[in-house]
């Protein structure tokens, strides 16, 4: 082996060590704050891990008993249905309104930048703060919304937005739509800005204007961004906890109970950490399954044009 080859090998080894040195902190961080909790949660779901475990240190292995108890829990099906309605309703509202606002802000007009910045406020506020503000707005007797509607003469009796099982889930979905609109606007607006104006000019020559331009030009070119928005939206919405806890606590009569809030309730109210871990793993499995199905369907649609 020549001296030149030896120097090249040492240089490559040195470059590899430098790269590893940059990656190592991030890898350690991921293992400590993401890897370990996931593995610990998985192990707990197969153990009789409850409040007494903190004192005696015993958490015997019980196999799939926690999963069986979780799936046969009378609240499970209600929570599963509420999770589906909450996720679908939130995503539909956030995406439609977010896309409409993104298209509106694509036009240049005075103060458009300022208004776009103001739209980010709901997203920047801590979730529990937003929940407290909206709880005051939606309060039945003295809430700002009921007072406003009564002042306009639209209602005669206060609406129990958060106190009735008929309206509580709808109210929580509307609040979550309000919180998620900024996220959709930011990503969709950036995707719209990346579409060249020449595409619309060429389309206009072929008669693609207005709704036809949106359907045949904007949506197909925006598909990659839409995929990211919807996928992240599902992953984020399906695990929403603090908003529901702050607004309704899962009530009334489990009307707003979701898999995330039920898992929290099992772990930190009933102190059955094993069943809480099992239900959270079920939630992770649902989100993972949806992600795989959605990505494959989207890749197939993109391949077929």
C-alpha atoms as a PDB file:
ATOM      1  CA  UNK A   1       0.000   0.000   0.000  1.00  0.00           C
ATOM      2  CA  UNK A   2       1.434   3.362  -1.022  1.00  0.00           C
ATOM      3  CA  UNK A   3       1.712   6.389   1.239  1.00  0.00           C
ATOM      4  CA  UNK A   4      -0.911   8.171  -0.830  1.00  0.00           C
ATOM      5  CA  UNK A   5      -3.442   5.368  -0.291  1.00  0.00           C
ATOM      6  CA  UNK A   6      -2.644   5.336   3.429  1.00  0.00           C
ATOM      7  CA  UNK A   7      -3.271   9.075   3.675  1.00  0.00           C
ATOM      8  CA  UNK A   8      -6.556   8.736   1.802  1.00  0.00           C
ATOM      9  CA  UNK A   9      -7.708   5.984   4.152  1.00  0.00           C
ATOM     10  CA  UNK A  10      -6.796   8.058   7.199  1.00  0.00           C
ATOM     11  CA  UNK A  11      -8.605  11.035   5.711  1.00  0.00           C
ATOM     12  CA  UNK A  12     -11.745   8.969   5.124  1.00  0.00           C
ATOM     13  CA  UNK A  13     -11.567   7.582   8.657  1.00  0.00           C
ATOM     14  CA  UNK A  14     -11.171  11.086  10.046  1.00  0.00           C
ATOM     15  CA  UNK A  15     -14.141  12.324   8.002  1.00  0.00           C
ATOM     16  CA  UNK A  16     -16.234   9.406   9.273  1.00  0.00           C
ATOM     17  CA  UNK A  17     -15.318  10.202  12.879  1.00  0.00           C
ATOM     18  CA  UNK A  18     -16.239  13.859  12.374  1.00  0.00           C
ATOM     19  CA  UNK A  19     -19.618  12.891  10.922  1.00  0.00           C
ATOM     20  CA  UNK A  20     -20.263  10.496  13.787  1.00  0.00           C
ATOM     21  CA  UNK A  21     -19.322  13.229  16.270  1.00  0.00           C
ATOM     22  CA  UNK A  22     -22.001  15.485  14.786  1.00  0.00           C
ATOM     23  CA  UNK A  23     -24.634  12.728  14.686  1.00  0.00           C
ATOM     24  CA  UNK A  24     -23.890  11.276  18.134  1.00  0.00           C
ATOM     25  CA  UNK A  25     -25.550  14.017  20.272  1.00  0.00           C
ATOM     26  CA  UNK A  26     -28.749  13.808  18.236  1.00  0.00           C
ATOM     27  CA  UNK A  27     -28.709  10.003  18.387  1.00  0.00           C
ATOM     28  CA  UNK A  28     -28.197  10.030  22.163  1.00  0.00           C
ATOM     29  CA  UNK A  29     -31.003  12.562  22.534  1.00  0.00           C
ATOM     30  CA  UNK A  30     -33.377  10.418  20.452  1.00  0.00           C
ATOM     31  CA  UNK A  31     -32.503   7.285  22.415  1.00  0.00           C
ATOM     32  CA  UNK A  32     -32.888   8.989  25.799  1.00  0.00           C
ATOM     33  CA  UNK A  33     -36.067  10.968  25.203  1.00  0.00           C
ATOM     34  CA  UNK A  34     -37.841   8.891  22.545  1.00  0.00           C
ATOM     35  CA  UNK A  35     -36.380   5.386  22.408  1.00  0.00           C
ATOM     36  CA  UNK A  36     -36.323   4.655  26.137  1.00  0.00           C
ATOM     37  CA  UNK A  37     -39.891   5.916  26.859  1.00  0.00           C
ATOM     38  CA  UNK A  38     -41.297   3.870  23.966  1.00  0.00           C
ATOM     39  CA  UNK A  39     -39.523   0.698  25.105  1.00  0.00           C
ATOM     40  CA  UNK A  40     -40.464   1.336  28.745  1.00  0.00           C
ATOM     41  CA  UNK A  41     -44.094   1.914  27.787  1.00  0.00           C
ATOM     42  CA  UNK A  42     -44.120  -1.322  25.775  1.00  0.00           C
ATOM     43  CA  UNK A  43     -42.674  -3.284  28.713  1.00  0.00           C
ATOM     44  CA  UNK A  44     -45.154  -1.724  31.161  1.00  0.00           C
ATOM     45  CA  UNK A  45     -48.076  -2.819  28.991  1.00  0.00           C
ATOM     46  CA  UNK A  46     -47.181  -6.467  29.752  1.00  0.00           C
ATOM     47  CA  UNK A  47     -46.858  -5.906  33.494  1.00  0.00           C
ATOM     48  CA  UNK A  48     -49.191  -5.421  36.452  1.00  0.00           C
ATOM     49  CA  UNK A  49     -47.785  -1.949  36.918  1.00  0.00           C
ATOM     50  CA  UNK A  50     -49.872   0.090  39.347  1.00  0.00           C
ATOM     51  CA  UNK A  51     -49.483   2.592  42.189  1.00  0.00           C
ATOM     52  CA  UNK A  52     -48.153  -0.049  44.602  1.00  0.00           C
ATOM     53  CA  UNK A  53     -45.246  -0.751  42.234  1.00  0.00           C
ATOM     54  CA  UNK A  54     -43.657   2.550  43.262  1.00  0.00           C
ATOM     55  CA  UNK A  55     -43.445   1.279  46.869  1.00  0.00           C
ATOM     56  CA  UNK A  56     -42.702  -2.428  46.580  1.00  0.00           C
ATOM     57  CA  UNK A  57     -40.905  -2.330  43.203  1.00  0.00           C
ATOM     58  CA  UNK A  58     -42.831  -5.372  41.947  1.00  0.00           C
ATOM     59  CA  UNK A  59     -44.472  -5.354  38.522  1.00  0.00           C
ATOM     60  CA  UNK A  60     -45.113  -9.007  37.596  1.00  0.00           C
ATOM     61  CA  UNK A  61     -45.399 -10.049  33.964  1.00  0.00           C
ATOM     62  CA  UNK A  62     -49.048 -10.747  33.044  1.00  0.00           C
ATOM     63  CA  UNK A  63     -48.833 -11.169  29.271  1.00  0.00           C
ATOM     64  CA  UNK A  64     -51.719  -9.726  27.266  1.00  0.00           C
ATOM     65  CA  UNK A  65     -54.044  -9.217  30.253  1.00  0.00           C
ATOM     66  CA  UNK A  66     -53.717  -5.424  30.071  1.00  0.00           C
ATOM     67  CA  UNK A  67     -54.617  -5.404  26.384  1.00  0.00           C
ATOM     68  CA  UNK A  68     -57.590  -7.718  26.998  1.00  0.00           C
ATOM     69  CA  UNK A  69     -58.842  -5.515  29.827  1.00  0.00           C
ATOM     70  CA  UNK A  70     -58.350  -2.380  27.754  1.00  0.00           C
ATOM     71  CA  UNK A  71     -60.142  -3.662  24.666  1.00  0.00           C
ATOM     72  CA  UNK A  72     -63.082  -4.998  26.729  1.00  0.00           C
ATOM     73  CA  UNK A  73     -63.378  -1.773  28.718  1.00  0.00           C
ATOM     74  CA  UNK A  74     -66.960  -0.457  28.227  1.00  0.00           C
ATOM     75  CA  UNK A  75     -65.577   3.007  27.497  1.00  0.00           C
ATOM     76  CA  UNK A  76     -63.143   1.784  24.820  1.00  0.00           C
ATOM     77  CA  UNK A  77     -65.576   1.680  21.897  1.00  0.00           C
ATOM     78  CA  UNK A  78     -66.998   5.076  22.847  1.00  0.00           C
ATOM     79  CA  UNK A  79     -63.492   6.520  23.048  1.00  0.00           C
ATOM     80  CA  UNK A  80     -62.530   4.911  19.732  1.00  0.00           C
ATOM     81  CA  UNK A  81     -65.573   6.374  17.994  1.00  0.00           C
ATOM     82  CA  UNK A  82     -64.976   9.799  19.516  1.00  0.00           C
ATOM     83  CA  UNK A  83     -61.338   9.662  18.406  1.00  0.00           C
ATOM     84  CA  UNK A  84     -62.419   8.960  14.823  1.00  0.00           C
ATOM     85  CA  UNK A  85     -65.027  11.745  14.804  1.00  0.00           C
ATOM     86  CA  UNK A  86     -62.668  14.197  16.479  1.00  0.00           C
ATOM     87  CA  UNK A  87     -59.842  13.430  14.029  1.00  0.00           C
ATOM     88  CA  UNK A  88     -61.967  13.477  10.866  1.00  0.00           C
ATOM     89  CA  UNK A  89     -63.920  16.590  11.879  1.00  0.00           C
ATOM     90  CA  UNK A  90     -60.797  18.485  12.898  1.00  0.00           C
ATOM     91  CA  UNK A  91     -58.837  17.540   9.776  1.00  0.00           C
ATOM     92  CA  UNK A  92     -61.680  18.408   7.415  1.00  0.00           C
ATOM     93  CA  UNK A  93     -62.284  21.811   9.000  1.00  0.00           C
ATOM     94  CA  UNK A  94     -58.604  22.694   9.344  1.00  0.00           C
ATOM     95  CA  UNK A  95     -57.730  21.698   5.808  1.00  0.00           C
ATOM     96  CA  UNK A  96     -60.680  23.357   4.055  1.00  0.00           C
ATOM     97  CA  UNK A  97     -60.374  26.627   5.970  1.00  0.00           C
ATOM     98  CA  UNK A  98     -56.577  26.522   5.856  1.00  0.00           C
ATOM     99  CA  UNK A  99     -56.555  26.039   2.092  1.00  0.00           C
ATOM    100  CA  UNK A 100     -59.120  28.806   1.597  1.00  0.00           C
ATOM    101  CA  UNK A 101     -57.020  31.223   3.668  1.00  0.00           C
ATOM    102  CA  UNK A 102     -53.805  30.132   1.926  1.00  0.00           C
ATOM    103  CA  UNK A 103     -55.391  30.865  -1.466  1.00  0.00           C
ATOM    104  CA  UNK A 104     -56.626  34.213  -0.172  1.00  0.00           C
ATOM    105  CA  UNK A 105     -53.200  35.239   1.141  1.00  0.00           C
ATOM    106  CA  UNK A 106     -51.587  34.221  -2.139  1.00  0.00           C
ATOM    107  CA  UNK A 107     -52.912  37.485  -3.490  1.00  0.00           C
ATOM    108  CA  UNK A 108     -50.844  40.551  -2.739  1.00  0.00           C
ATOM    109  CA  UNK A 109     -52.657  43.278  -0.808  1.00  0.00           C
ATOM    110  CA  UNK A 110     -51.756  45.775   1.939  1.00  0.00           C
ATOM    111  CA  UNK A 111     -51.089  44.298   5.413  1.00  0.00           C
ATOM    112  CA  UNK A 112     -51.237  40.729   4.089  1.00  0.00           C
ATOM    113  CA  UNK A 113     -47.988  39.906   5.905  1.00  0.00           C
ATOM    114  CA  UNK A 114     -49.319  41.321   9.191  1.00  0.00           C
ATOM    115  CA  UNK A 115     -52.576  39.408   8.923  1.00  0.00           C
ATOM    116  CA  UNK A 116     -50.688  36.206   8.155  1.00  0.00           C
ATOM    117  CA  UNK A 117     -48.578  36.775  11.242  1.00  0.00           C
ATOM    118  CA  UNK A 118     -51.668  37.298  13.396  1.00  0.00           C
ATOM    119  CA  UNK A 119     -53.021  33.974  12.161  1.00  0.00           C
ATOM    120  CA  UNK A 120     -50.108  32.266  13.897  1.00  0.00           C
ATOM    121  CA  UNK A 121     -51.189  33.432  17.367  1.00  0.00           C
ATOM    122  CA  UNK A 122     -53.464  30.429  18.120  1.00  0.00           C
ATOM    123  CA  UNK A 123     -50.622  28.115  17.157  1.00  0.00           C
ATOM    124  CA  UNK A 124     -48.088  29.934  19.352  1.00  0.00           C
ATOM    125  CA  UNK A 125     -50.202  29.971  22.501  1.00  0.00           C
ATOM    126  CA  UNK A 126     -49.775  27.069  24.953  1.00  0.00           C
ATOM    127  CA  UNK A 127     -52.601  24.580  24.452  1.00  0.00           C
ATOM    128  CA  UNK A 128     -53.782  24.745  28.044  1.00  0.00           C
ATOM    129  CA  UNK A 129     -54.016  28.546  27.822  1.00  0.00           C
ATOM    130  CA  UNK A 130     -56.145  28.294  24.688  1.00  0.00           C
ATOM    131  CA  UNK A 131     -58.329  25.691  26.412  1.00  0.00           C
ATOM    132  CA  UNK A 132     -58.865  28.004  29.400  1.00  0.00           C
ATOM    133  CA  UNK A 133     -59.819  30.945  27.158  1.00  0.00           C
ATOM    134  CA  UNK A 134     -62.239  28.858  25.113  1.00  0.00           C
ATOM    135  CA  UNK A 135     -63.745  27.341  28.257  1.00  0.00           C
ATOM    136  CA  UNK A 136     -64.621  30.877  29.328  1.00  0.00           C
ATOM    137  CA  UNK A 137     -65.982  31.726  25.873  1.00  0.00           C
ATOM    138  CA  UNK A 138     -68.149  28.586  25.737  1.00  0.00           C
ATOM    139  CA  UNK A 139     -69.349  28.721  29.354  1.00  0.00           C
ATOM    140  CA  UNK A 140     -73.103  28.167  29.458  1.00  0.00           C
ATOM    141  CA  UNK A 141     -74.367  30.926  31.760  1.00  0.00           C
ATOM    142  CA  UNK A 142     -71.837  33.727  31.437  1.00  0.00           C
ATOM    143  CA  UNK A 143     -69.829  32.714  28.379  1.00  0.00           C
ATOM    144  CA  UNK A 144     -68.978  35.342  25.792  1.00  0.00           C
ATOM    145  CA  UNK A 145     -70.394  33.317  22.898  1.00  0.00           C
ATOM    146  CA  UNK A 146     -73.833  32.782  24.455  1.00  0.00           C
ATOM    147  CA  UNK A 147     -74.001  36.430  25.520  1.00  0.00           C
ATOM    148  CA  UNK A 148     -73.127  37.478  21.970  1.00  0.00           C
ATOM    149  CA  UNK A 149     -75.760  35.211  20.411  1.00  0.00           C
ATOM    150  CA  UNK A 150     -78.369  36.371  22.911  1.00  0.00           C
ATOM    151  CA  UNK A 151     -77.529  39.987  22.134  1.00  0.00           C
ATOM    152  CA  UNK A 152     -78.147  39.316  18.436  1.00  0.00           C
ATOM    153  CA  UNK A 153     -81.442  37.628  19.268  1.00  0.00           C
ATOM    154  CA  UNK A 154     -80.336  34.344  17.693  1.00  0.00           C
ATOM    155  CA  UNK A 155     -80.969  32.293  20.845  1.00  0.00           C
ATOM    156  CA  UNK A 156     -83.307  32.711  23.804  1.00  0.00           C
ATOM    157  CA  UNK A 157     -81.753  30.152  26.156  1.00  0.00           C
ATOM    158  CA  UNK A 158     -78.011  29.615  26.719  1.00  0.00           C
ATOM    159  CA  UNK A 159     -76.533  26.705  24.782  1.00  0.00           C
ATOM    160  CA  UNK A 160     -74.679  24.173  26.996  1.00  0.00           C
ATOM    161  CA  UNK A 161     -71.697  23.956  24.656  1.00  0.00           C
ATOM    162  CA  UNK A 162     -69.485  21.967  27.032  1.00  0.00           C
ATOM    163  CA  UNK A 163     -72.093  20.631  29.463  1.00  0.00           C
ATOM    164  CA  UNK A 164     -74.274  18.603  27.089  1.00  0.00           C
ATOM    165  CA  UNK A 165     -73.304  15.300  25.509  1.00  0.00           C
ATOM    166  CA  UNK A 166     -75.008  16.487  22.307  1.00  0.00           C
ATOM    167  CA  UNK A 167     -72.799  19.529  21.792  1.00  0.00           C
ATOM    168  CA  UNK A 168     -69.589  18.914  23.770  1.00  0.00           C
ATOM    169  CA  UNK A 169     -67.751  16.943  21.074  1.00  0.00           C
ATOM    170  CA  UNK A 170     -68.797  19.441  18.391  1.00  0.00           C
ATOM    171  CA  UNK A 171     -67.510  22.322  20.521  1.00  0.00           C
ATOM    172  CA  UNK A 172     -64.174  20.579  21.141  1.00  0.00           C
ATOM    173  CA  UNK A 173     -63.797  19.876  17.406  1.00  0.00           C
ATOM    174  CA  UNK A 174     -64.476  23.532  16.557  1.00  0.00           C
ATOM    175  CA  UNK A 175     -61.868  24.708  19.050  1.00  0.00           C
ATOM    176  CA  UNK A 176     -59.310  22.256  17.664  1.00  0.00           C
ATOM    177  CA  UNK A 177     -60.073  23.475  14.134  1.00  0.00           C
ATOM    178  CA  UNK A 178     -59.318  27.020  15.293  1.00  0.00           C
ATOM    179  CA  UNK A 179     -56.026  25.839  16.772  1.00  0.00           C
ATOM    180  CA  UNK A 180     -54.967  23.880  13.677  1.00  0.00           C
ATOM    181  CA  UNK A 181     -55.760  26.431  10.983  1.00  0.00           C
ATOM    182  CA  UNK A 182     -52.405  28.306  11.311  1.00  0.00           C
ATOM    183  CA  UNK A 183     -50.426  25.092  10.763  1.00  0.00           C
ATOM    184  CA  UNK A 184     -52.392  24.332   7.592  1.00  0.00           C
ATOM    185  CA  UNK A 185     -52.160  27.906   6.315  1.00  0.00           C
ATOM    186  CA  UNK A 186     -48.375  28.082   6.752  1.00  0.00           C
ATOM    187  CA  UNK A 187     -47.631  24.820   4.935  1.00  0.00           C
ATOM    188  CA  UNK A 188     -50.244  25.215   2.202  1.00  0.00           C
ATOM    189  CA  UNK A 189     -49.274  28.832   1.567  1.00  0.00           C
ATOM    190  CA  UNK A 190     -45.619  27.843   1.185  1.00  0.00           C
ATOM    191  CA  UNK A 191     -46.679  25.136  -1.279  1.00  0.00           C
ATOM    192  CA  UNK A 192     -48.735  27.624  -3.293  1.00  0.00           C
ATOM    193  CA  UNK A 193     -45.844  30.063  -3.390  1.00  0.00           C
ATOM    194  CA  UNK A 194     -43.647  27.362  -4.907  1.00  0.00           C
ATOM    195  CA  UNK A 195     -45.958  26.954  -7.930  1.00  0.00           C
ATOM    196  CA  UNK A 196     -44.555  29.070 -10.800  1.00  0.00           C
ATOM    197  CA  UNK A 197     -46.803  31.748 -12.237  1.00  0.00           C
ATOM    198  CA  UNK A 198     -45.844  30.529 -15.714  1.00  0.00           C
ATOM    199  CA  UNK A 199     -47.913  27.391 -15.086  1.00  0.00           C
ATOM    200  CA  UNK A 200     -51.074  29.443 -14.613  1.00  0.00           C
ATOM    201  CA  UNK A 201     -50.251  31.628 -17.619  1.00  0.00           C
ATOM    202  CA  UNK A 202     -49.845  28.537 -19.803  1.00  0.00           C
ATOM    203  CA  UNK A 203     -53.038  27.064 -18.380  1.00  0.00           C
ATOM    204  CA  UNK A 204     -54.959  30.277 -19.078  1.00  0.00           C
ATOM    205  CA  UNK A 205     -53.997  29.994 -22.735  1.00  0.00           C
ATOM    206  CA  UNK A 206     -55.663  26.571 -22.785  1.00  0.00           C
ATOM    207  CA  UNK A 207     -58.765  27.868 -21.038  1.00  0.00           C
ATOM    208  CA  UNK A 208     -57.872  26.655 -17.506  1.00  0.00           C
ATOM    209  CA  UNK A 209     -59.039  29.568 -15.364  1.00  0.00           C
ATOM    210  CA  UNK A 210     -60.923  29.883 -12.099  1.00  0.00           C
ATOM    211  CA  UNK A 211     -62.234  26.577 -10.775  1.00  0.00           C
ATOM    212  CA  UNK A 212     -60.692  24.632 -13.672  1.00  0.00           C
ATOM    213  CA  UNK A 213     -57.286  26.099 -12.890  1.00  0.00           C
ATOM    214  CA  UNK A 214     -57.663  25.117  -9.235  1.00  0.00           C
ATOM    215  CA  UNK A 215     -58.786  21.566 -10.039  1.00  0.00           C
ATOM    216  CA  UNK A 216     -56.323  20.789 -12.856  1.00  0.00           C
ATOM    217  CA  UNK A 217     -53.283  22.872 -11.878  1.00  0.00           C
ATOM    218  CA  UNK A 218     -53.258  23.909  -8.219  1.00  0.00           C
ATOM    219  CA  UNK A 219     -54.382  20.688  -6.557  1.00  0.00           C
ATOM    220  CA  UNK A 220     -52.142  18.307  -8.569  1.00  0.00           C
ATOM    221  CA  UNK A 221     -49.075  20.502  -8.021  1.00  0.00           C
ATOM    222  CA  UNK A 222     -49.961  20.925  -4.351  1.00  0.00           C
ATOM    223  CA  UNK A 223     -50.363  17.183  -3.764  1.00  0.00           C
ATOM    224  CA  UNK A 224     -46.975  16.619  -2.026  1.00  0.00           C
ATOM    225  CA  UNK A 225     -47.673  19.415   0.459  1.00  0.00           C
ATOM    226  CA  UNK A 226     -51.250  18.231   0.998  1.00  0.00           C
ATOM    227  CA  UNK A 227     -49.922  14.754   1.790  1.00  0.00           C
ATOM    228  CA  UNK A 228     -47.594  16.126   4.454  1.00  0.00           C
ATOM    229  CA  UNK A 229     -50.301  18.361   5.928  1.00  0.00           C
ATOM    230  CA  UNK A 230     -52.856  15.567   6.202  1.00  0.00           C
ATOM    231  CA  UNK A 231     -50.415  12.985   7.524  1.00  0.00           C
ATOM    232  CA  UNK A 232     -49.001  15.289  10.188  1.00  0.00           C
ATOM    233  CA  UNK A 233     -52.522  16.460  10.960  1.00  0.00           C
ATOM    234  CA  UNK A 234     -53.686  12.920  11.709  1.00  0.00           C
ATOM    235  CA  UNK A 235     -50.641  12.118  13.845  1.00  0.00           C
ATOM    236  CA  UNK A 236     -51.044  15.350  15.786  1.00  0.00           C
ATOM    237  CA  UNK A 237     -54.843  15.283  16.167  1.00  0.00           C
ATOM    238  CA  UNK A 238     -55.211  11.645  17.145  1.00  0.00           C
ATOM    239  CA  UNK A 239     -53.124  12.236  20.276  1.00  0.00           C
ATOM    240  CA  UNK A 240     -54.584  15.573  21.385  1.00  0.00           C
ATOM    241  CA  UNK A 241     -54.874  15.467  25.163  1.00  0.00           C
ATOM    242  CA  UNK A 242     -54.389  18.805  26.905  1.00  0.00           C
ATOM    243  CA  UNK A 243     -57.079  20.598  24.883  1.00  0.00           C
ATOM    244  CA  UNK A 244     -59.776  18.057  25.784  1.00  0.00           C
ATOM    245  CA  UNK A 245     -58.627  17.828  29.391  1.00  0.00           C
ATOM    246  CA  UNK A 246     -58.725  21.618  29.680  1.00  0.00           C
ATOM    247  CA  UNK A 247     -62.165  21.962  28.072  1.00  0.00           C
ATOM    248  CA  UNK A 248     -64.210  18.997  29.263  1.00  0.00           C
ATOM    249  CA  UNK A 249     -61.957  16.470  30.993  1.00  0.00           C
ATOM    250  CA  UNK A 250     -63.460  13.801  28.717  1.00  0.00           C
ATOM    251  CA  UNK A 251     -67.039  14.499  29.839  1.00  0.00           C
ATOM    252  CA  UNK A 252     -69.886  14.955  30.092  1.00  0.00           C
ATOM    253  CA  UNK A 253     -70.754  11.241  30.335  1.00  0.00           C
ATOM    254  CA  UNK A 254     -67.632  10.370  28.270  1.00  0.00           C
ATOM    255  CA  UNK A 255     -69.000  12.368  25.319  1.00  0.00           C
ATOM    256  CA  UNK A 256     -65.538  13.756  24.557  1.00  0.00           C
ATOM    257  CA  UNK A 257     -63.512  10.804  25.808  1.00  0.00           C
ATOM    258  CA  UNK A 258     -60.859   9.784  23.272  1.00  0.00           C
ATOM    259  CA  UNK A 259     -58.198   7.093  23.331  1.00  0.00           C
ATOM    260  CA  UNK A 260     -55.609   9.657  24.433  1.00  0.00           C
ATOM    261  CA  UNK A 261     -57.712  11.002  27.324  1.00  0.00           C
ATOM    262  CA  UNK A 262     -58.773   7.488  28.363  1.00  0.00           C
ATOM    263  CA  UNK A 263     -55.140   6.392  28.453  1.00  0.00           C
ATOM    264  CA  UNK A 264     -54.315   9.428  30.607  1.00  0.00           C
ATOM    265  CA  UNK A 265     -57.275   8.655  32.877  1.00  0.00           C
ATOM    266  CA  UNK A 266     -56.222   5.036  33.333  1.00  0.00           C
ATOM    267  CA  UNK A 267     -52.648   6.009  34.159  1.00  0.00           C
ATOM    268  CA  UNK A 268     -52.983   9.159  36.272  1.00  0.00           C
ATOM    269  CA  UNK A 269     -56.516   8.977  37.693  1.00  0.00           C
ATOM    270  CA  UNK A 270     -57.048   5.246  38.188  1.00  0.00           C
ATOM    271  CA  UNK A 271     -53.265   4.665  38.608  1.00  0.00           C
ATOM    272  CA  UNK A 272     -53.333   1.533  36.453  1.00  0.00           C
ATOM    273  CA  UNK A 273     -50.197   2.321  34.495  1.00  0.00           C
ATOM    274  CA  UNK A 274     -50.125  -1.070  32.785  1.00  0.00           C
ATOM    275  CA  UNK A 275     -53.542  -0.631  31.174  1.00  0.00           C
ATOM    276  CA  UNK A 276     -52.773   3.002  30.371  1.00  0.00           C
ATOM    277  CA  UNK A 277     -49.588   1.917  28.595  1.00  0.00           C
ATOM    278  CA  UNK A 278     -51.494  -0.789  26.698  1.00  0.00           C
ATOM    279  CA  UNK A 279     -54.096   1.696  25.464  1.00  0.00           C
ATOM    280  CA  UNK A 280     -51.407   4.179  24.411  1.00  0.00           C
ATOM    281  CA  UNK A 281     -49.743   1.396  22.416  1.00  0.00           C
ATOM    282  CA  UNK A 282     -53.075   0.691  20.722  1.00  0.00           C
ATOM    283  CA  UNK A 283     -53.221   4.384  19.819  1.00  0.00           C
ATOM    284  CA  UNK A 284     -49.678   4.267  18.418  1.00  0.00           C
ATOM    285  CA  UNK A 285     -50.562   1.174  16.373  1.00  0.00           C
ATOM    286  CA  UNK A 286     -53.635   2.902  14.907  1.00  0.00           C
ATOM    287  CA  UNK A 287     -51.617   5.990  13.947  1.00  0.00           C
ATOM    288  CA  UNK A 288     -48.848   3.841  12.452  1.00  0.00           C
ATOM    289  CA  UNK A 289     -51.319   1.727  10.463  1.00  0.00           C
ATOM    290  CA  UNK A 290     -53.024   4.833   9.082  1.00  0.00           C
ATOM    291  CA  UNK A 291     -49.675   6.356   8.132  1.00  0.00           C
ATOM    292  CA  UNK A 292     -48.599   3.248   6.222  1.00  0.00           C
ATOM    293  CA  UNK A 293     -51.932   2.893   4.394  1.00  0.00           C
ATOM    294  CA  UNK A 294     -52.096   6.592   3.562  1.00  0.00           C
ATOM    295  CA  UNK A 295     -48.514   6.788   2.288  1.00  0.00           C
ATOM    296  CA  UNK A 296     -48.969   3.718   0.097  1.00  0.00           C
ATOM    297  CA  UNK A 297     -52.259   5.014  -1.302  1.00  0.00           C
ATOM    298  CA  UNK A 298     -50.737   8.414  -1.979  1.00  0.00           C
ATOM    299  CA  UNK A 299     -47.673   6.874  -3.660  1.00  0.00           C
ATOM    300  CA  UNK A 300     -49.937   4.734  -5.839  1.00  0.00           C
ATOM    301  CA  UNK A 301     -52.028   7.767  -6.798  1.00  0.00           C
ATOM    302  CA  UNK A 302     -48.909   9.775  -7.655  1.00  0.00           C
ATOM    303  CA  UNK A 303     -47.563   6.890  -9.745  1.00  0.00           C
ATOM    304  CA  UNK A 304     -50.815   6.644 -11.687  1.00  0.00           C
ATOM    305  CA  UNK A 305     -50.740  10.362 -12.323  1.00  0.00           C
END
